[in-house]
Amino acid sequence: MTLQVTRRVADADTDRVSSVPWGVARSFFVPDHRFSLRDIFVARVQVPQWQAFLDLVHEREWFAGWTDAGLVECDGLPGAPSPLLKSMASGWSWEVALRPHDFEVSWHGFSANDLNFTVGTDEVSSESRFNALVEFVAVIAERTRRQVVIGEEGSDGSVDRWGYFLTYDPGSGLSLVVS
């Protein structure tokens, strides 16, 4: 079952508050013995979406450092996606730590066709942090003009795959998938 939920917006780019009750969302962020991370995917991206996301990271000052630079040779985060895409085309992945609010998200360079992130379940431990995650996902969806999905760790990234529990579509907003 999919529940369409609304969101309150105080400003076009800030202060999104999820109307998904924290009591419902909390169960999706409880660590279990198998999966302590949640995967976040933006599928079907091309250079314009990569650029929109890099611009967002720079504007919001989310860059917290390289976890693994792979073959990317630059100080800080590049302003254009070409060094990141070139590294992946050479068969090397990379990882960047982002700090969008008061929690940390890892951005993984696995594929030029999607943006991949992970967030620890312990990073989403309160209603305010859940709302911050919704803000992060909503801004990415709106800037890239692509659907963003959050699922269990190890999911394949397909937006249609069973198991995703939160989606944000720039045209329709936040949806909660409940099985």
C-alpha atoms as a PDB file:
ATOM      1  CA  MET A   1       0.000   0.000   0.000  1.00  0.00           C
ATOM      2  CA  THR A   2       1.255   3.485  -0.780  1.00  0.00           C
ATOM      3  CA  LEU A   3       0.103   6.447   1.249  1.00  0.00           C
ATOM      4  CA  GLN A   4       0.354   9.826  -0.398  1.00  0.00           C
ATOM      5  CA  VAL A   5       1.235  12.387   2.215  1.00  0.00           C
ATOM      6  CA  THR A   6       1.438  16.118   2.082  1.00  0.00           C
ATOM      7  CA  ARG A   7       4.185  18.383   3.287  1.00  0.00           C
ATOM      8  CA  ARG A   8       4.176  21.881   4.636  1.00  0.00           C
ATOM      9  CA  VAL A   9       6.526  24.254   2.908  1.00  0.00           C
ATOM     10  CA  ALA A  10       7.474  27.544   4.503  1.00  0.00           C
ATOM     11  CA  ASP A  11       9.854  28.470   1.703  1.00  0.00           C
ATOM     12  CA  ALA A  12      10.521  26.889  -1.689  1.00  0.00           C
ATOM     13  CA  ASP A  13      13.951  25.607  -0.621  1.00  0.00           C
ATOM     14  CA  THR A  14      13.827  25.383   3.169  1.00  0.00           C
ATOM     15  CA  ASP A  15      11.822  24.306   6.177  1.00  0.00           C
ATOM     16  CA  ARG A  16      10.094  21.236   4.754  1.00  0.00           C
ATOM     17  CA  VAL A  17       8.381  19.282   7.482  1.00  0.00           C
ATOM     18  CA  SER A  18       7.205  15.753   6.820  1.00  0.00           C
ATOM     19  CA  SER A  19       3.597  15.013   7.574  1.00  0.00           C
ATOM     20  CA  VAL A  20       4.536  11.341   7.920  1.00  0.00           C
ATOM     21  CA  PRO A  21       4.174  10.768  11.656  1.00  0.00           C
ATOM     22  CA  TRP A  22       7.469  10.080  13.394  1.00  0.00           C
ATOM     23  CA  GLY A  23       5.758   7.143  15.128  1.00  0.00           C
ATOM     24  CA  VAL A  24       5.341   5.499  11.701  1.00  0.00           C
ATOM     25  CA  ALA A  25       8.700   6.531  10.244  1.00  0.00           C
ATOM     26  CA  ARG A  26      10.666   5.520  13.348  1.00  0.00           C
ATOM     27  CA  SER A  27      10.189   1.804  12.650  1.00  0.00           C
ATOM     28  CA  PHE A  28      12.011   2.163   9.314  1.00  0.00           C
ATOM     29  CA  PHE A  29      15.111   3.518  11.029  1.00  0.00           C
ATOM     30  CA  VAL A  30      15.463   0.957  13.820  1.00  0.00           C
ATOM     31  CA  PRO A  31      18.784  -0.869  13.331  1.00  0.00           C
ATOM     32  CA  ASP A  32      18.471  -4.611  12.950  1.00  0.00           C
ATOM     33  CA  HIS A  33      21.020  -7.414  12.915  1.00  0.00           C
ATOM     34  CA  ARG A  34      21.356  -7.351   9.110  1.00  0.00           C
ATOM     35  CA  PHE A  35      20.917  -3.807   7.903  1.00  0.00           C
ATOM     36  CA  SER A  36      22.020  -0.699   9.762  1.00  0.00           C
ATOM     37  CA  LEU A  37      22.074   1.563   6.690  1.00  0.00           C
ATOM     38  CA  ARG A  38      19.398   2.904   4.412  1.00  0.00           C
ATOM     39  CA  ASP A  39      20.152   3.409   0.731  1.00  0.00           C
ATOM     40  CA  ILE A  40      19.048   6.580  -1.039  1.00  0.00           C
ATOM     41  CA  PHE A  41      18.924   6.575  -4.846  1.00  0.00           C
ATOM     42  CA  VAL A  42      18.316   9.075  -7.594  1.00  0.00           C
ATOM     43  CA  ALA A  43      17.971   7.033 -10.780  1.00  0.00           C
ATOM     44  CA  ARG A  44      18.344   7.929 -14.446  1.00  0.00           C
ATOM     45  CA  VAL A  45      20.669  10.877 -13.967  1.00  0.00           C
ATOM     46  CA  GLN A  46      22.798  12.490 -16.617  1.00  0.00           C
ATOM     47  CA  VAL A  47      25.326  15.321 -16.586  1.00  0.00           C
ATOM     48  CA  PRO A  48      22.687  18.055 -15.921  1.00  0.00           C
ATOM     49  CA  GLN A  49      21.493  16.226 -12.773  1.00  0.00           C
ATOM     50  CA  TRP A  50      25.072  15.637 -11.617  1.00  0.00           C
ATOM     51  CA  GLN A  51      25.766  19.345 -12.087  1.00  0.00           C
ATOM     52  CA  ALA A  52      22.572  20.345 -10.264  1.00  0.00           C
ATOM     53  CA  PHE A  53      23.534  18.148  -7.337  1.00  0.00           C
ATOM     54  CA  LEU A  54      27.128  19.439  -7.195  1.00  0.00           C
ATOM     55  CA  ASP A  55      25.814  23.008  -7.274  1.00  0.00           C
ATOM     56  CA  LEU A  56      23.485  22.150  -4.381  1.00  0.00           C
ATOM     57  CA  VAL A  57      26.314  20.632  -2.314  1.00  0.00           C
ATOM     58  CA  HIS A  58      28.436  23.734  -2.853  1.00  0.00           C
ATOM     59  CA  GLU A  59      25.581  26.182  -2.161  1.00  0.00           C
ATOM     60  CA  ARG A  60      24.568  24.424   1.048  1.00  0.00           C
ATOM     61  CA  GLU A  61      28.180  23.698   2.093  1.00  0.00           C
ATOM     62  CA  TRP A  62      27.386  20.021   2.671  1.00  0.00           C
ATOM     63  CA  PHE A  63      30.847  18.720   1.714  1.00  0.00           C
ATOM     64  CA  ALA A  64      32.517  17.196   4.779  1.00  0.00           C
ATOM     65  CA  GLY A  65      35.446  15.431   3.097  1.00  0.00           C
ATOM     66  CA  TRP A  66      36.562  12.498   1.019  1.00  0.00           C
ATOM     67  CA  THR A  67      36.183   9.069   2.558  1.00  0.00           C
ATOM     68  CA  ASP A  68      37.739   7.424  -0.507  1.00  0.00           C
ATOM     69  CA  ALA A  69      38.816   9.575  -3.447  1.00  0.00           C
ATOM     70  CA  GLY A  70      39.351   6.711  -5.909  1.00  0.00           C
ATOM     71  CA  LEU A  71      41.016   8.256  -8.961  1.00  0.00           C
ATOM     72  CA  VAL A  72      39.559  11.726  -8.419  1.00  0.00           C
ATOM     73  CA  GLU A  73      42.436  14.191  -8.282  1.00  0.00           C
ATOM     74  CA  CYS A  74      41.291  17.452  -6.754  1.00  0.00           C
ATOM     75  CA  ASP A  75      41.282  19.364  -3.516  1.00  0.00           C
ATOM     76  CA  GLY A  76      37.797  19.519  -2.091  1.00  0.00           C
ATOM     77  CA  LEU A  77      34.788  18.683  -4.199  1.00  0.00           C
ATOM     78  CA  PRO A  78      35.000  19.651  -7.883  1.00  0.00           C
ATOM     79  CA  GLY A  79      32.596  22.213  -9.273  1.00  0.00           C
ATOM     80  CA  ALA A  80      31.855  20.110 -12.348  1.00  0.00           C
ATOM     81  CA  PRO A  81      31.041  16.394 -12.546  1.00  0.00           C
ATOM     82  CA  SER A  82      33.713  15.453 -15.105  1.00  0.00           C
ATOM     83  CA  PRO A  83      36.448  14.307 -12.625  1.00  0.00           C
ATOM     84  CA  LEU A  84      33.879  12.182 -10.759  1.00  0.00           C
ATOM     85  CA  LEU A  85      32.458  10.655 -13.920  1.00  0.00           C
ATOM     86  CA  LYS A  86      35.937  10.057 -15.357  1.00  0.00           C
ATOM     87  CA  SER A  87      36.967   8.122 -12.241  1.00  0.00           C
ATOM     88  CA  MET A  88      33.916   5.850 -12.495  1.00  0.00           C
ATOM     89  CA  ALA A  89      34.448   5.349 -16.245  1.00  0.00           C
ATOM     90  CA  SER A  90      37.943   4.092 -15.359  1.00  0.00           C
ATOM     91  CA  GLY A  91      36.403   1.490 -13.062  1.00  0.00           C
ATOM     92  CA  TRP A  92      37.093   3.272  -9.774  1.00  0.00           C
ATOM     93  CA  SER A  93      34.460   4.183  -7.229  1.00  0.00           C
ATOM     94  CA  TRP A  94      34.745   6.949  -4.644  1.00  0.00           C
ATOM     95  CA  GLU A  95      32.969   8.098  -1.506  1.00  0.00           C
ATOM     96  CA  VAL A  96      32.259  11.551  -0.108  1.00  0.00           C
ATOM     97  CA  ALA A  97      30.984  12.435   3.357  1.00  0.00           C
ATOM     98  CA  LEU A  98      28.171  15.003   3.325  1.00  0.00           C
ATOM     99  CA  ARG A  99      26.755  16.827   6.329  1.00  0.00           C
ATOM    100  CA  PRO A 100      23.450  18.289   5.152  1.00  0.00           C
ATOM    101  CA  HIS A 101      22.107  19.134   8.600  1.00  0.00           C
ATOM    102  CA  ASP A 102      23.063  17.584  11.920  1.00  0.00           C
ATOM    103  CA  PHE A 103      23.576  14.114  10.413  1.00  0.00           C
ATOM    104  CA  GLU A 104      26.017  12.498   7.999  1.00  0.00           C
ATOM    105  CA  VAL A 105      25.273  10.945   4.618  1.00  0.00           C
ATOM    106  CA  SER A 106      27.770   9.061   2.450  1.00  0.00           C
ATOM    107  CA  TRP A 107      27.656   9.781  -1.282  1.00  0.00           C
ATOM    108  CA  HIS A 108      28.989   6.878  -3.339  1.00  0.00           C
ATOM    109  CA  GLY A 109      30.359   7.084  -6.849  1.00  0.00           C
ATOM    110  CA  PHE A 110      29.350   3.679  -8.181  1.00  0.00           C
ATOM    111  CA  SER A 111      27.535   4.550 -11.404  1.00  0.00           C
ATOM    112  CA  ALA A 112      27.269   7.520 -13.733  1.00  0.00           C
ATOM    113  CA  ASN A 113      23.574   6.700 -14.162  1.00  0.00           C
ATOM    114  CA  ASP A 114      22.477   7.370 -10.599  1.00  0.00           C
ATOM    115  CA  LEU A 115      23.316   9.234  -7.438  1.00  0.00           C
ATOM    116  CA  ASN A 116      23.813   6.807  -4.538  1.00  0.00           C
ATOM    117  CA  PHE A 117      23.835   7.656  -0.846  1.00  0.00           C
ATOM    118  CA  THR A 118      23.701   5.793   2.446  1.00  0.00           C
ATOM    119  CA  VAL A 119      22.565   7.030   5.817  1.00  0.00           C
ATOM    120  CA  GLY A 120      22.993   5.181   9.083  1.00  0.00           C
ATOM    121  CA  THR A 121      19.813   4.300  10.923  1.00  0.00           C
ATOM    122  CA  ASP A 122      21.386   5.882  14.014  1.00  0.00           C
ATOM    123  CA  GLU A 123      21.590   9.194  12.122  1.00  0.00           C
ATOM    124  CA  VAL A 124      17.769   9.274  11.889  1.00  0.00           C
ATOM    125  CA  SER A 125      17.027   8.819  15.571  1.00  0.00           C
ATOM    126  CA  SER A 126      14.469  11.565  16.206  1.00  0.00           C
ATOM    127  CA  GLU A 127      11.638  13.431  14.561  1.00  0.00           C
ATOM    128  CA  SER A 128      13.831  16.459  13.897  1.00  0.00           C
ATOM    129  CA  ARG A 129      16.459  14.311  12.176  1.00  0.00           C
ATOM    130  CA  PHE A 130      13.772  12.559  10.137  1.00  0.00           C
ATOM    131  CA  ASN A 131      12.466  15.953   9.030  1.00  0.00           C
ATOM    132  CA  ALA A 132      16.038  16.945   8.123  1.00  0.00           C
ATOM    133  CA  LEU A 133      16.349  13.775   6.014  1.00  0.00           C
ATOM    134  CA  VAL A 134      13.058  14.619   4.271  1.00  0.00           C
ATOM    135  CA  GLU A 135      14.444  18.107   3.592  1.00  0.00           C
ATOM    136  CA  PHE A 136      17.651  16.606   2.144  1.00  0.00           C
ATOM    137  CA  VAL A 137      15.711  14.190  -0.103  1.00  0.00           C
ATOM    138  CA  ALA A 138      13.182  16.840  -1.203  1.00  0.00           C
ATOM    139  CA  VAL A 139      15.825  19.379  -2.191  1.00  0.00           C
ATOM    140  CA  ILE A 140      17.714  16.753  -4.205  1.00  0.00           C
ATOM    141  CA  ALA A 141      14.510  15.648  -5.975  1.00  0.00           C
ATOM    142  CA  GLU A 142      13.540  19.199  -6.804  1.00  0.00           C
ATOM    143  CA  ARG A 143      17.005  20.253  -8.011  1.00  0.00           C
ATOM    144  CA  THR A 144      17.606  17.143 -10.137  1.00  0.00           C
ATOM    145  CA  ARG A 145      13.944  16.873 -11.183  1.00  0.00           C
ATOM    146  CA  ARG A 146      14.121  13.136 -10.459  1.00  0.00           C
ATOM    147  CA  GLN A 147      12.415  10.828  -8.012  1.00  0.00           C
ATOM    148  CA  VAL A 148      14.434   9.981  -4.902  1.00  0.00           C
ATOM    149  CA  VAL A 149      13.832   6.681  -3.106  1.00  0.00           C
ATOM    150  CA  ILE A 150      14.989   5.400   0.279  1.00  0.00           C
ATOM    151  CA  GLY A 151      15.194   1.661   0.848  1.00  0.00           C
ATOM    152  CA  GLU A 152      16.920  -1.043   2.794  1.00  0.00           C
ATOM    153  CA  GLU A 153      20.654  -1.435   2.532  1.00  0.00           C
ATOM    154  CA  GLY A 154      21.639  -3.681  -0.342  1.00  0.00           C
ATOM    155  CA  SER A 155      18.686  -2.818  -2.548  1.00  0.00           C
ATOM    156  CA  ASP A 156      19.480  -2.667  -6.236  1.00  0.00           C
ATOM    157  CA  GLY A 157      18.435   0.947  -6.691  1.00  0.00           C
ATOM    158  CA  SER A 158      15.459   0.263  -8.939  1.00  0.00           C
ATOM    159  CA  VAL A 159      12.706   2.701  -8.035  1.00  0.00           C
ATOM    160  CA  ASP A 160      10.067   0.022  -8.705  1.00  0.00           C
ATOM    161  CA  ARG A 161      11.601  -2.682  -6.517  1.00  0.00           C
ATOM    162  CA  TRP A 162       9.586  -3.847  -3.510  1.00  0.00           C
ATOM    163  CA  GLY A 163      11.166  -2.743  -0.288  1.00  0.00           C
ATOM    164  CA  TYR A 164      11.401   0.982  -0.737  1.00  0.00           C
ATOM    165  CA  PHE A 165       9.501   2.741   1.919  1.00  0.00           C
ATOM    166  CA  LEU A 166       9.933   6.423   1.196  1.00  0.00           C
ATOM    167  CA  THR A 167       9.879   8.190  -2.145  1.00  0.00           C
ATOM    168  CA  TYR A 168       9.948  11.840  -3.005  1.00  0.00           C
ATOM    169  CA  ASP A 169       8.812  12.873  -6.456  1.00  0.00           C
ATOM    170  CA  PRO A 170       9.277  16.502  -7.499  1.00  0.00           C
ATOM    171  CA  GLY A 171       5.821  16.458  -9.095  1.00  0.00           C
ATOM    172  CA  SER A 172       3.831  14.871  -6.304  1.00  0.00           C
ATOM    173  CA  GLY A 173       5.855  15.148  -3.114  1.00  0.00           C
ATOM    174  CA  LEU A 174       6.466  12.566  -0.424  1.00  0.00           C
ATOM    175  CA  SER A 175       5.009   9.043  -0.493  1.00  0.00           C
ATOM    176  CA  LEU A 176       5.305   6.395   2.158  1.00  0.00           C
ATOM    177  CA  VAL A 177       5.266   2.789   0.910  1.00  0.00           C
ATOM    178  CA  VAL A 178       3.940   0.387   3.511  1.00  0.00           C
ATOM    179  CA  SER A 179       3.986  -3.361   2.970  1.00  0.00           C
END
